[in-house]
Amino acid sequence: MTEQCIHWWCDKDWVIAYSTVALTAFTGLLFVFTFLLWRATAQTLKLGREEFISTHRPRLIVRNVVLNRPNTVQPWLAHDWPPTGQFYVENIGETEATIVESHCVWFSTKAGLPMKRPYEGDDGNNRITPGPLQPGTSMTALFDAAHWETAYATTQGLDSYAHWVMGWIEYRDAAGSRYRMAFCRNWDDQAHRFRKVDDPDYEHG
């Protein structure tokens, strides 16, 4: 090689420019691959989280429905005392539930539970406060008889009325999937407590 280099690979400015372009291209490719890897990792984590939530979903139940007694002298269902009470909503699942909407009614009838549920088509009255409910925790909800008639308190004879507290709760899990459970409890006048109804149209979760 002569002292005066005329070949292109001996041009230092060109070598520097070429190296700069190559380094820029490599850095760009590295950024693209890093971004794609980050996005794939985020998607994998999201899918894993959603799968975990779906297999460890929240589950709400209603328990301990309690009727308030007017006093120790009057019967539990008094003619002049519209019934009121409370119950607990508990999350027996493994992840957080967020209550979106709920509905609860008192229903009295002589004919038993109708084929069409009494609250069918009604908007929620939110007797159960909307909001998050952590696994293993519960909240208190209140109920009353919006339409109470004197005859409803008659509990003797063939024409006696039967009474139920019933409704539904709509909630979502941490991944946004929605669920709806329904509950129905029948007042047992002999035992002075509510009994769970064995009817999947009224009681399901």
N, C-alpha and C. Protein backbone atom coordinates (compact mmCIF):
# COMPACT_ATOMS: atom_id res chain seq x y z
N MET A 1 0.87 -1.19 0.00
CA MET A 1 0.00 0.00 0.00
C MET A 1 0.90 1.24 0.00
N THR A 2 0.60 2.18 -0.88
CA THR A 2 1.43 3.36 -1.01
C THR A 2 1.21 4.30 0.13
N GLU A 3 2.15 5.27 0.27
CA GLU A 3 2.05 6.25 1.34
C GLU A 3 0.81 7.11 1.18
N GLN A 4 0.43 7.43 -0.07
CA GLN A 4 -0.76 8.25 -0.30
C GLN A 4 -1.91 7.32 -0.67
N CYS A 5 -2.74 7.04 0.34
CA CYS A 5 -3.83 6.07 0.17
C CYS A 5 -4.98 6.71 -0.62
N ILE A 6 -5.37 6.03 -1.72
CA ILE A 6 -6.45 6.58 -2.53
C ILE A 6 -7.67 5.67 -2.54
N HIS A 7 -7.55 4.56 -1.81
CA HIS A 7 -8.67 3.63 -1.78
C HIS A 7 -9.76 4.12 -0.85
N TRP A 8 -11.10 3.73 -1.11
CA TRP A 8 -12.24 4.23 -0.33
C TRP A 8 -12.18 3.80 1.12
N TRP A 9 -11.57 2.60 1.36
CA TRP A 9 -11.53 2.14 2.76
C TRP A 9 -10.49 2.85 3.59
N CYS A 10 -9.70 3.65 2.96
CA CYS A 10 -8.72 4.42 3.70
C CYS A 10 -9.23 5.82 4.02
N ASP A 11 -10.43 6.18 3.53
CA ASP A 11 -10.99 7.49 3.79
C ASP A 11 -11.58 7.51 5.20
N LYS A 12 -10.90 8.15 6.13
CA LYS A 12 -11.32 8.13 7.54
C LYS A 12 -12.68 8.76 7.74
N ASP A 13 -12.96 9.83 7.03
CA ASP A 13 -14.28 10.48 7.18
C ASP A 13 -15.39 9.54 6.76
N TRP A 14 -15.14 8.79 5.70
CA TRP A 14 -16.17 7.85 5.24
C TRP A 14 -16.37 6.73 6.24
N VAL A 15 -15.28 6.26 6.82
CA VAL A 15 -15.36 5.18 7.82
C VAL A 15 -16.16 5.64 9.03
N ILE A 16 -15.90 6.87 9.45
CA ILE A 16 -16.64 7.40 10.61
C ILE A 16 -18.13 7.53 10.28
N ALA A 17 -18.43 8.02 9.08
CA ALA A 17 -19.82 8.18 8.67
C ALA A 17 -20.51 6.83 8.58
N TYR A 18 -19.81 5.86 7.98
CA TYR A 18 -20.38 4.51 7.87
C TYR A 18 -20.64 3.91 9.24
N SER A 19 -19.69 4.07 10.14
CA SER A 19 -19.84 3.52 11.50
C SER A 19 -21.01 4.18 12.23
N THR A 20 -21.15 5.49 12.01
CA THR A 20 -22.24 6.22 12.66
C THR A 20 -23.59 5.74 12.16
N VAL A 21 -23.69 5.57 10.84
CA VAL A 21 -24.95 5.07 10.26
C VAL A 21 -25.25 3.67 10.76
N ALA A 22 -24.23 2.82 10.79
CA ALA A 22 -24.43 1.44 11.24
C ALA A 22 -24.86 1.41 12.71
N LEU A 23 -24.21 2.25 13.52
CA LEU A 23 -24.55 2.30 14.93
C LEU A 23 -25.97 2.81 15.14
N THR A 24 -26.35 3.82 14.34
CA THR A 24 -27.71 4.35 14.43
C THR A 24 -28.74 3.30 14.05
N ALA A 25 -28.43 2.58 12.95
CA ALA A 25 -29.36 1.52 12.51
C ALA A 25 -29.47 0.43 13.56
N PHE A 26 -28.34 0.04 14.13
CA PHE A 26 -28.34 -1.00 15.17
C PHE A 26 -29.14 -0.55 16.39
N THR A 27 -28.92 0.73 16.77
CA THR A 27 -29.65 1.26 17.92
C THR A 27 -31.16 1.29 17.65
N GLY A 28 -31.52 1.67 16.41
CA GLY A 28 -32.94 1.67 16.04
C GLY A 28 -33.53 0.28 16.10
N LEU A 29 -32.80 -0.69 15.54
CA LEU A 29 -33.28 -2.07 15.58
C LEU A 29 -33.39 -2.57 17.01
N LEU A 30 -32.41 -2.22 17.83
CA LEU A 30 -32.44 -2.62 19.23
C LEU A 30 -33.65 -2.03 19.95
N PHE A 31 -33.98 -0.78 19.63
CA PHE A 31 -35.16 -0.14 20.23
C PHE A 31 -36.43 -0.85 19.81
N VAL A 32 -36.51 -1.17 18.49
CA VAL A 32 -37.71 -1.85 17.98
C VAL A 32 -37.88 -3.22 18.65
N PHE A 33 -36.79 -3.98 18.71
CA PHE A 33 -36.87 -5.31 19.32
C PHE A 33 -37.19 -5.22 20.81
N THR A 34 -36.62 -4.22 21.48
CA THR A 34 -36.91 -4.04 22.91
C THR A 34 -38.38 -3.69 23.13
N PHE A 35 -38.91 -2.80 22.25
CA PHE A 35 -40.32 -2.44 22.35
C PHE A 35 -41.23 -3.64 22.10
N LEU A 36 -40.91 -4.43 21.06
CA LEU A 36 -41.70 -5.62 20.77
C LEU A 36 -41.65 -6.62 21.91
N LEU A 37 -40.47 -6.78 22.50
CA LEU A 37 -40.32 -7.69 23.64
C LEU A 37 -41.12 -7.19 24.83
N TRP A 38 -41.07 -5.87 25.07
CA TRP A 38 -41.85 -5.29 26.19
C TRP A 38 -43.34 -5.49 25.96
N ARG A 39 -43.79 -5.26 24.72
CA ARG A 39 -45.22 -5.42 24.43
C ARG A 39 -45.65 -6.88 24.58
N ALA A 40 -44.81 -7.79 24.12
CA ALA A 40 -45.14 -9.21 24.24
C ALA A 40 -45.17 -9.63 25.71
N THR A 41 -44.23 -9.11 26.49
CA THR A 41 -44.19 -9.43 27.92
C THR A 41 -45.43 -8.87 28.63
N ALA A 42 -45.80 -7.62 28.29
CA ALA A 42 -46.99 -7.01 28.89
C ALA A 42 -48.24 -7.79 28.53
N GLN A 43 -48.33 -8.24 27.27
CA GLN A 43 -49.49 -9.02 26.84
C GLN A 43 -49.53 -10.36 27.56
N THR A 44 -48.37 -10.98 27.73
CA THR A 44 -48.31 -12.25 28.44
C THR A 44 -48.73 -12.08 29.89
N LEU A 45 -48.26 -11.00 30.52
CA LEU A 45 -48.64 -10.74 31.91
C LEU A 45 -50.14 -10.47 32.02
N LYS A 46 -50.69 -9.73 31.04
CA LYS A 46 -52.12 -9.43 31.05
C LYS A 46 -52.94 -10.70 30.91
N LEU A 47 -52.54 -11.56 29.95
CA LEU A 47 -53.26 -12.81 29.76
C LEU A 47 -53.15 -13.71 30.99
N GLY A 48 -51.96 -13.72 31.60
CA GLY A 48 -51.78 -14.52 32.81
C GLY A 48 -52.64 -14.01 33.96
N ARG A 49 -52.73 -12.68 34.07
CA ARG A 49 -53.56 -12.08 35.12
C ARG A 49 -55.03 -12.38 34.90
N GLU A 50 -55.48 -12.25 33.63
CA GLU A 50 -56.88 -12.53 33.33
C GLU A 50 -57.20 -14.00 33.57
N GLU A 51 -56.27 -14.88 33.22
CA GLU A 51 -56.50 -16.31 33.45
C GLU A 51 -56.57 -16.60 34.94
N PHE A 52 -55.69 -15.96 35.71
CA PHE A 52 -55.72 -16.16 37.16
C PHE A 52 -57.04 -15.69 37.75
N ILE A 53 -57.49 -14.52 37.31
CA ILE A 53 -58.75 -13.97 37.84
C ILE A 53 -59.93 -14.86 37.45
N SER A 54 -59.91 -15.37 36.20
CA SER A 54 -61.03 -16.22 35.75
C SER A 54 -61.09 -17.53 36.51
N THR A 55 -59.95 -18.03 36.94
CA THR A 55 -59.93 -19.28 37.70
C THR A 55 -60.00 -19.04 39.21
N HIS A 56 -59.87 -17.81 39.61
CA HIS A 56 -59.98 -17.44 41.03
C HIS A 56 -60.95 -16.27 41.17
N ARG A 57 -62.08 -16.36 40.49
CA ARG A 57 -63.03 -15.26 40.39
C ARG A 57 -63.69 -14.98 41.73
N PRO A 58 -64.20 -13.75 41.90
CA PRO A 58 -64.98 -13.45 43.10
C PRO A 58 -66.33 -14.15 43.05
N ARG A 59 -66.88 -14.46 44.20
CA ARG A 59 -68.21 -15.07 44.30
C ARG A 59 -68.94 -14.43 45.47
N LEU A 60 -70.09 -13.89 45.19
CA LEU A 60 -70.88 -13.22 46.22
C LEU A 60 -72.02 -14.11 46.69
N ILE A 61 -72.26 -14.09 47.99
CA ILE A 61 -73.41 -14.80 48.55
C ILE A 61 -74.14 -13.86 49.51
N VAL A 62 -75.41 -14.15 49.73
CA VAL A 62 -76.21 -13.43 50.73
C VAL A 62 -76.41 -14.36 51.91
N ARG A 63 -76.20 -13.86 53.10
CA ARG A 63 -76.36 -14.70 54.29
C ARG A 63 -76.93 -13.88 55.44
N ASN A 64 -77.43 -14.61 56.42
CA ASN A 64 -77.90 -14.02 57.68
C ASN A 64 -78.92 -12.90 57.45
N VAL A 65 -80.02 -13.25 56.77
CA VAL A 65 -81.11 -12.29 56.56
C VAL A 65 -81.89 -12.17 57.88
N VAL A 66 -81.99 -10.97 58.40
CA VAL A 66 -82.56 -10.74 59.73
C VAL A 66 -83.75 -9.78 59.62
N LEU A 67 -84.86 -10.16 60.24
CA LEU A 67 -86.05 -9.31 60.29
C LEU A 67 -86.09 -8.57 61.62
N ASN A 68 -86.30 -7.27 61.56
CA ASN A 68 -86.40 -6.49 62.79
C ASN A 68 -87.77 -6.71 63.42
N ARG A 69 -87.80 -6.97 64.72
CA ARG A 69 -89.06 -7.17 65.43
C ARG A 69 -89.51 -5.85 66.04
N PRO A 70 -90.80 -5.50 65.90
CA PRO A 70 -91.26 -4.23 66.48
C PRO A 70 -90.96 -4.11 67.96
N ASN A 71 -91.31 -5.14 68.74
CA ASN A 71 -90.99 -5.22 70.15
C ASN A 71 -91.25 -6.66 70.59
N THR A 72 -91.00 -6.96 71.83
CA THR A 72 -91.14 -8.34 72.31
C THR A 72 -92.59 -8.74 72.53
N VAL A 73 -93.51 -7.79 72.49
CA VAL A 73 -94.92 -8.11 72.71
C VAL A 73 -95.61 -8.43 71.40
N GLN A 74 -95.38 -7.61 70.38
CA GLN A 74 -96.02 -7.81 69.10
C GLN A 74 -95.40 -8.98 68.34
N PRO A 75 -96.13 -9.58 67.41
CA PRO A 75 -95.54 -10.64 66.57
C PRO A 75 -94.48 -10.07 65.64
N TRP A 76 -93.72 -10.97 65.02
CA TRP A 76 -92.66 -10.52 64.13
C TRP A 76 -93.21 -9.71 62.96
N LEU A 77 -94.35 -10.14 62.43
CA LEU A 77 -95.00 -9.40 61.35
C LEU A 77 -96.27 -8.76 61.91
N ALA A 78 -96.16 -7.49 62.26
CA ALA A 78 -97.28 -6.78 62.87
C ALA A 78 -98.08 -6.04 61.81
N HIS A 79 -99.39 -5.87 62.08
CA HIS A 79 -100.28 -5.22 61.12
C HIS A 79 -99.85 -3.77 60.83
N ASP A 80 -99.42 -3.09 61.87
CA ASP A 80 -99.12 -1.66 61.73
C ASP A 80 -97.62 -1.38 61.69
N TRP A 81 -96.83 -2.39 61.38
CA TRP A 81 -95.39 -2.21 61.39
C TRP A 81 -94.80 -2.83 60.12
N PRO A 82 -94.61 -2.06 59.05
CA PRO A 82 -94.02 -2.59 57.82
C PRO A 82 -92.65 -3.21 58.13
N PRO A 83 -92.42 -4.42 57.69
CA PRO A 83 -91.18 -5.11 58.04
C PRO A 83 -89.93 -4.45 57.46
N THR A 84 -88.91 -4.46 58.26
CA THR A 84 -87.58 -3.98 57.85
C THR A 84 -86.56 -4.97 58.36
N GLY A 85 -85.39 -4.92 57.79
CA GLY A 85 -84.34 -5.82 58.24
C GLY A 85 -83.03 -5.58 57.52
N GLN A 86 -82.14 -6.53 57.65
CA GLN A 86 -80.83 -6.41 57.04
C GLN A 86 -80.29 -7.79 56.67
N PHE A 87 -79.27 -7.80 55.85
CA PHE A 87 -78.57 -9.04 55.52
C PHE A 87 -77.14 -8.69 55.15
N TYR A 88 -76.32 -9.72 55.00
CA TYR A 88 -74.92 -9.53 54.67
C TYR A 88 -74.63 -10.05 53.27
N VAL A 89 -73.81 -9.30 52.54
CA VAL A 89 -73.29 -9.75 51.26
C VAL A 89 -71.82 -10.04 51.46
N GLU A 90 -71.41 -11.27 51.18
CA GLU A 90 -70.03 -11.69 51.45
C GLU A 90 -69.37 -12.17 50.16
N ASN A 91 -68.10 -11.82 50.01
CA ASN A 91 -67.29 -12.29 48.89
C ASN A 91 -66.52 -13.53 49.34
N ILE A 92 -66.98 -14.70 48.90
CA ILE A 92 -66.32 -15.95 49.29
C ILE A 92 -65.33 -16.40 48.22
N GLY A 93 -65.10 -15.57 47.21
CA GLY A 93 -64.13 -15.89 46.17
C GLY A 93 -62.72 -15.53 46.60
N GLU A 94 -61.81 -15.56 45.62
CA GLU A 94 -60.39 -15.35 45.92
C GLU A 94 -59.85 -14.02 45.40
N THR A 95 -60.67 -13.26 44.68
CA THR A 95 -60.24 -11.96 44.17
C THR A 95 -61.31 -10.92 44.43
N GLU A 96 -60.96 -9.67 44.20
CA GLU A 96 -61.85 -8.56 44.50
C GLU A 96 -63.07 -8.53 43.58
N ALA A 97 -64.22 -8.22 44.16
CA ALA A 97 -65.44 -7.99 43.38
C ALA A 97 -65.81 -6.52 43.50
N THR A 98 -66.34 -5.97 42.44
CA THR A 98 -66.86 -4.61 42.47
C THR A 98 -68.35 -4.66 42.18
N ILE A 99 -69.15 -4.31 43.17
CA ILE A 99 -70.60 -4.33 43.00
C ILE A 99 -71.00 -3.15 42.12
N VAL A 100 -71.70 -3.44 41.02
CA VAL A 100 -72.09 -2.42 40.06
C VAL A 100 -73.51 -1.94 40.32
N GLU A 101 -74.43 -2.88 40.54
CA GLU A 101 -75.83 -2.54 40.74
C GLU A 101 -76.50 -3.67 41.49
N SER A 102 -77.60 -3.36 42.17
CA SER A 102 -78.31 -4.40 42.92
C SER A 102 -79.78 -4.04 43.05
N HIS A 103 -80.56 -5.03 43.43
CA HIS A 103 -81.99 -4.83 43.62
C HIS A 103 -82.47 -5.77 44.71
N CYS A 104 -83.30 -5.26 45.61
CA CYS A 104 -83.83 -6.08 46.70
C CYS A 104 -85.26 -5.65 46.99
N VAL A 105 -86.17 -6.62 47.09
CA VAL A 105 -87.58 -6.31 47.36
C VAL A 105 -88.14 -7.29 48.39
N TRP A 106 -89.19 -6.83 49.06
CA TRP A 106 -90.01 -7.69 49.91
C TRP A 106 -91.23 -8.08 49.08
N PHE A 107 -91.56 -9.38 49.11
CA PHE A 107 -92.68 -9.86 48.29
C PHE A 107 -93.58 -10.74 49.15
N SER A 108 -94.88 -10.43 49.16
CA SER A 108 -95.88 -11.20 49.91
C SER A 108 -96.96 -11.68 48.95
N THR A 109 -97.36 -12.93 49.11
CA THR A 109 -98.39 -13.49 48.23
C THR A 109 -99.01 -14.72 48.87
N LYS A 110 -100.20 -15.09 48.38
CA LYS A 110 -100.85 -16.33 48.81
C LYS A 110 -100.59 -17.47 47.83
N ALA A 111 -100.07 -17.13 46.67
CA ALA A 111 -100.01 -18.11 45.57
C ALA A 111 -98.64 -18.74 45.38
N GLY A 112 -97.67 -18.43 46.22
CA GLY A 112 -96.33 -18.96 46.02
C GLY A 112 -95.54 -18.13 45.02
N LEU A 113 -94.33 -18.55 44.76
CA LEU A 113 -93.47 -17.80 43.85
C LEU A 113 -94.00 -17.88 42.43
N PRO A 114 -94.18 -16.74 41.77
CA PRO A 114 -94.69 -16.75 40.40
C PRO A 114 -93.63 -17.16 39.39
N MET A 115 -94.08 -17.58 38.20
CA MET A 115 -93.15 -17.95 37.13
C MET A 115 -92.30 -16.75 36.72
N LYS A 116 -92.92 -15.58 36.62
CA LYS A 116 -92.19 -14.35 36.33
C LYS A 116 -91.79 -13.70 37.64
N ARG A 117 -90.51 -13.51 37.81
CA ARG A 117 -90.03 -12.95 39.08
C ARG A 117 -90.59 -11.55 39.31
N PRO A 118 -90.99 -11.25 40.54
CA PRO A 118 -91.66 -9.96 40.82
C PRO A 118 -90.84 -8.73 40.44
N TYR A 119 -89.53 -8.86 40.42
CA TYR A 119 -88.69 -7.71 40.11
C TYR A 119 -88.25 -7.69 38.65
N GLU A 120 -88.78 -8.60 37.83
CA GLU A 120 -88.35 -8.69 36.43
C GLU A 120 -88.53 -7.36 35.71
N GLY A 121 -87.46 -6.89 35.08
CA GLY A 121 -87.51 -5.65 34.31
C GLY A 121 -87.32 -4.39 35.12
N ASP A 122 -87.26 -4.50 36.44
CA ASP A 122 -87.07 -3.32 37.28
C ASP A 122 -85.61 -2.87 37.27
N ASP A 123 -85.41 -1.57 37.37
CA ASP A 123 -84.06 -1.05 37.56
C ASP A 123 -83.60 -1.33 38.99
N GLY A 124 -82.31 -1.36 39.19
CA GLY A 124 -81.79 -1.62 40.52
C GLY A 124 -82.13 -0.49 41.49
N ASN A 125 -82.43 -0.85 42.74
CA ASN A 125 -82.66 0.16 43.77
C ASN A 125 -81.44 0.34 44.67
N ASN A 126 -80.38 -0.45 44.39
CA ASN A 126 -79.09 -0.32 45.07
C ASN A 126 -79.20 -0.30 46.59
N ARG A 127 -79.96 -1.25 47.13
CA ARG A 127 -79.97 -1.43 48.58
C ARG A 127 -78.62 -1.95 49.07
N ILE A 128 -77.86 -2.49 48.16
CA ILE A 128 -76.49 -2.91 48.45
C ILE A 128 -75.57 -1.87 47.84
N THR A 129 -74.76 -1.24 48.63
CA THR A 129 -73.95 -0.12 48.18
C THR A 129 -72.96 -0.53 47.10
N PRO A 130 -72.97 0.11 45.92
CA PRO A 130 -71.99 -0.20 44.88
C PRO A 130 -70.57 0.11 45.36
N GLY A 131 -69.63 -0.69 44.88
CA GLY A 131 -68.24 -0.47 45.26
C GLY A 131 -67.49 -1.78 45.43
N PRO A 132 -66.20 -1.70 45.76
CA PRO A 132 -65.37 -2.91 45.86
C PRO A 132 -65.66 -3.72 47.12
N LEU A 133 -65.49 -5.02 46.99
CA LEU A 133 -65.63 -5.93 48.13
C LEU A 133 -64.50 -6.95 48.05
N GLN A 134 -63.59 -6.85 49.01
CA GLN A 134 -62.41 -7.71 49.00
C GLN A 134 -62.77 -9.15 49.37
N PRO A 135 -61.97 -10.13 48.92
CA PRO A 135 -62.26 -11.52 49.27
C PRO A 135 -62.22 -11.73 50.79
N GLY A 136 -63.18 -12.49 51.29
CA GLY A 136 -63.23 -12.77 52.72
C GLY A 136 -63.89 -11.69 53.54
N THR A 137 -64.42 -10.66 52.90
CA THR A 137 -65.08 -9.58 53.63
C THR A 137 -66.56 -9.52 53.26
N SER A 138 -67.33 -8.77 54.05
CA SER A 138 -68.76 -8.66 53.80
C SER A 138 -69.22 -7.24 54.06
N MET A 139 -70.42 -6.92 53.59
CA MET A 139 -71.02 -5.62 53.85
C MET A 139 -72.48 -5.82 54.21
N THR A 140 -73.04 -4.85 54.91
CA THR A 140 -74.43 -4.92 55.36
C THR A 140 -75.34 -4.22 54.36
N ALA A 141 -76.48 -4.83 54.10
CA ALA A 141 -77.50 -4.23 53.23
C ALA A 141 -78.83 -4.23 53.97
N LEU A 142 -79.67 -3.24 53.68
CA LEU A 142 -80.96 -3.09 54.35
C LEU A 142 -82.10 -3.39 53.40
N PHE A 143 -83.23 -3.84 53.95
CA PHE A 143 -84.42 -4.05 53.14
C PHE A 143 -85.65 -3.57 53.92
N ASP A 144 -86.73 -3.32 53.19
CA ASP A 144 -88.00 -2.98 53.81
C ASP A 144 -89.12 -3.38 52.85
N ALA A 145 -90.35 -3.30 53.35
CA ALA A 145 -91.52 -3.61 52.52
C ALA A 145 -92.07 -2.30 51.98
N ALA A 146 -91.86 -2.06 50.71
CA ALA A 146 -92.32 -0.81 50.11
C ALA A 146 -93.84 -0.72 50.06
N HIS A 147 -94.50 -1.86 49.93
CA HIS A 147 -95.97 -1.89 49.85
C HIS A 147 -96.47 -2.91 50.88
N TRP A 148 -96.74 -2.44 52.05
CA TRP A 148 -97.17 -3.31 53.14
C TRP A 148 -98.66 -3.09 53.42
N GLU A 149 -99.41 -4.18 53.45
CA GLU A 149 -100.84 -4.11 53.73
C GLU A 149 -101.15 -4.86 55.02
N THR A 150 -102.19 -4.42 55.70
CA THR A 150 -102.56 -5.01 56.99
C THR A 150 -102.79 -6.51 56.88
N ALA A 151 -103.40 -6.93 55.79
CA ALA A 151 -103.73 -8.36 55.64
C ALA A 151 -102.49 -9.24 55.55
N TYR A 152 -101.37 -8.66 55.16
CA TYR A 152 -100.17 -9.46 54.99
C TYR A 152 -99.71 -10.10 56.30
N ALA A 153 -100.06 -9.48 57.43
CA ALA A 153 -99.58 -9.97 58.71
C ALA A 153 -100.37 -11.17 59.22
N THR A 154 -101.47 -11.54 58.57
CA THR A 154 -102.26 -12.70 58.97
C THR A 154 -101.48 -13.97 58.63
N THR A 155 -101.18 -14.76 59.61
CA THR A 155 -100.33 -15.93 59.38
C THR A 155 -101.00 -17.23 59.78
N GLN A 156 -102.31 -17.21 60.03
CA GLN A 156 -103.00 -18.42 60.42
C GLN A 156 -104.08 -18.75 59.40
N GLY A 157 -104.38 -20.05 59.23
CA GLY A 157 -105.42 -20.47 58.30
C GLY A 157 -104.88 -20.75 56.92
N LEU A 158 -105.76 -21.25 56.05
CA LEU A 158 -105.36 -21.66 54.71
C LEU A 158 -104.99 -20.49 53.82
N ASP A 159 -105.50 -19.31 54.12
CA ASP A 159 -105.27 -18.14 53.27
C ASP A 159 -104.14 -17.25 53.77
N SER A 160 -103.30 -17.81 54.59
CA SER A 160 -102.20 -16.99 55.12
C SER A 160 -101.22 -16.62 54.01
N TYR A 161 -100.58 -15.52 54.17
CA TYR A 161 -99.61 -15.03 53.20
C TYR A 161 -98.23 -15.63 53.47
N ALA A 162 -97.48 -15.80 52.42
CA ALA A 162 -96.07 -16.16 52.53
C ALA A 162 -95.25 -14.93 52.15
N HIS A 163 -94.06 -14.84 52.73
CA HIS A 163 -93.24 -13.62 52.56
C HIS A 163 -91.82 -14.00 52.15
N TRP A 164 -91.29 -13.19 51.24
CA TRP A 164 -89.93 -13.42 50.75
C TRP A 164 -89.15 -12.10 50.71
N VAL A 165 -87.85 -12.23 50.91
CA VAL A 165 -86.90 -11.16 50.58
C VAL A 165 -86.08 -11.69 49.41
N MET A 166 -86.06 -10.94 48.31
CA MET A 166 -85.42 -11.46 47.09
C MET A 166 -84.78 -10.32 46.31
N GLY A 167 -83.93 -10.70 45.36
CA GLY A 167 -83.30 -9.69 44.52
C GLY A 167 -82.11 -10.23 43.76
N TRP A 168 -81.27 -9.34 43.28
CA TRP A 168 -80.10 -9.72 42.51
C TRP A 168 -78.96 -8.73 42.74
N ILE A 169 -77.76 -9.18 42.45
CA ILE A 169 -76.56 -8.34 42.57
C ILE A 169 -75.73 -8.52 41.31
N GLU A 170 -75.40 -7.44 40.67
CA GLU A 170 -74.50 -7.47 39.51
C GLU A 170 -73.14 -6.94 39.94
N TYR A 171 -72.09 -7.68 39.58
CA TYR A 171 -70.74 -7.27 39.98
C TYR A 171 -69.74 -7.67 38.91
N ARG A 172 -68.54 -7.11 38.99
CA ARG A 172 -67.50 -7.43 38.03
C ARG A 172 -66.22 -7.80 38.76
N ASP A 173 -65.37 -8.57 38.08
CA ASP A 173 -64.08 -8.92 38.66
C ASP A 173 -63.03 -7.89 38.24
N ALA A 174 -61.80 -8.12 38.66
CA ALA A 174 -60.73 -7.14 38.40
C ALA A 174 -60.37 -7.06 36.92
N ALA A 175 -60.77 -8.06 36.13
CA ALA A 175 -60.50 -8.03 34.69
C ALA A 175 -61.64 -7.41 33.90
N GLY A 176 -62.72 -7.05 34.59
CA GLY A 176 -63.84 -6.39 33.93
C GLY A 176 -64.99 -7.31 33.54
N SER A 177 -64.85 -8.62 33.74
CA SER A 177 -65.94 -9.55 33.43
C SER A 177 -67.08 -9.36 34.43
N ARG A 178 -68.32 -9.41 33.93
CA ARG A 178 -69.48 -9.16 34.78
C ARG A 178 -70.21 -10.45 35.13
N TYR A 179 -70.79 -10.44 36.32
CA TYR A 179 -71.55 -11.58 36.81
C TYR A 179 -72.83 -11.06 37.48
N ARG A 180 -73.83 -11.94 37.55
CA ARG A 180 -75.05 -11.59 38.26
C ARG A 180 -75.48 -12.79 39.10
N MET A 181 -75.73 -12.55 40.36
CA MET A 181 -76.27 -13.59 41.23
C MET A 181 -77.64 -13.16 41.72
N ALA A 182 -78.50 -14.14 42.02
CA ALA A 182 -79.83 -13.86 42.52
C ALA A 182 -80.02 -14.57 43.85
N PHE A 183 -80.84 -13.98 44.72
CA PHE A 183 -81.08 -14.58 46.03
C PHE A 183 -82.56 -14.48 46.37
N CYS A 184 -83.02 -15.41 47.18
CA CYS A 184 -84.42 -15.43 47.60
C CYS A 184 -84.53 -16.17 48.93
N ARG A 185 -85.12 -15.52 49.92
CA ARG A 185 -85.28 -16.11 51.25
C ARG A 185 -86.74 -16.04 51.66
N ASN A 186 -87.23 -17.16 52.19
CA ASN A 186 -88.63 -17.28 52.60
C ASN A 186 -88.73 -17.18 54.12
N TRP A 187 -89.69 -16.37 54.60
CA TRP A 187 -89.88 -16.20 56.03
C TRP A 187 -90.61 -17.42 56.61
N ASP A 188 -89.97 -18.06 57.58
CA ASP A 188 -90.55 -19.20 58.30
C ASP A 188 -91.16 -18.67 59.59
N ASP A 189 -92.49 -18.58 59.64
CA ASP A 189 -93.15 -17.97 60.79
C ASP A 189 -93.07 -18.85 62.04
N GLN A 190 -92.86 -20.14 61.86
CA GLN A 190 -92.75 -21.03 63.01
C GLN A 190 -91.36 -20.93 63.65
N ALA A 191 -90.34 -20.90 62.81
CA ALA A 191 -88.96 -20.83 63.31
C ALA A 191 -88.50 -19.39 63.54
N HIS A 192 -89.28 -18.43 63.04
CA HIS A 192 -88.93 -17.01 63.15
C HIS A 192 -87.55 -16.73 62.54
N ARG A 193 -87.41 -17.18 61.31
CA ARG A 193 -86.18 -16.91 60.57
C ARG A 193 -86.45 -17.13 59.09
N PHE A 194 -85.49 -16.70 58.26
CA PHE A 194 -85.61 -16.86 56.81
C PHE A 194 -84.92 -18.16 56.37
N ARG A 195 -85.53 -18.80 55.37
CA ARG A 195 -84.98 -20.01 54.80
C ARG A 195 -84.60 -19.78 53.34
N LYS A 196 -83.50 -20.37 52.92
CA LYS A 196 -83.07 -20.28 51.52
C LYS A 196 -84.05 -21.06 50.64
N VAL A 197 -84.37 -20.49 49.48
CA VAL A 197 -85.30 -21.11 48.55
C VAL A 197 -84.53 -22.00 47.58
N ASP A 198 -85.00 -23.24 47.41
CA ASP A 198 -84.37 -24.16 46.47
C ASP A 198 -85.03 -24.02 45.10
N ASP A 199 -84.68 -22.95 44.40
CA ASP A 199 -85.27 -22.66 43.09
C ASP A 199 -84.23 -21.91 42.27
N PRO A 200 -83.66 -22.54 41.24
CA PRO A 200 -82.58 -21.90 40.46
C PRO A 200 -83.01 -20.64 39.72
N ASP A 201 -84.33 -20.43 39.53
CA ASP A 201 -84.78 -19.20 38.89
C ASP A 201 -84.68 -18.01 39.84
N TYR A 202 -84.71 -18.29 41.12
CA TYR A 202 -84.69 -17.24 42.14
C TYR A 202 -83.38 -17.21 42.94
N GLU A 203 -82.68 -18.32 42.93
CA GLU A 203 -81.48 -18.43 43.76
C GLU A 203 -80.37 -19.06 42.92
N HIS A 204 -79.44 -18.23 42.48
CA HIS A 204 -78.30 -18.74 41.71
C HIS A 204 -77.14 -17.77 41.81
N GLY A 205 -75.94 -18.27 41.57
CA GLY A 205 -74.77 -17.42 41.72
C GLY A 205 -73.74 -17.64 40.67
